[in-house]
Amino acid sequence: ADDLAAIPLRELLVRNPRLDAECIDDVILGCANQAGEDNRNVARMATLLAGLPQSVSGTTINRLCGSGLDALG
């Protein structure tokens, strides 16, 4: 899941070259039914895989079917 989530994060930076990645405070992602290898902070791993600075934190919300909607806020 984290490798898939890293793709749009990376593309966001490519498509918006004036966006300073240092200005990003937090990445919030929804991920349902995390288990086994995926049972970790997917958002944090995705930020690192996307090449965002280590100062950017990641928050993963697991509310089963409502995870993505809850991540939007």
Foldseek 3Di string as FASTA:
>chain_A
DLCVLLVVVLVVCVVCVVDDLVPAAEAEFEDEDQDDPRPDQSQLSSCVVNPRDNNYYYHYDYPHPCRHVVSVD
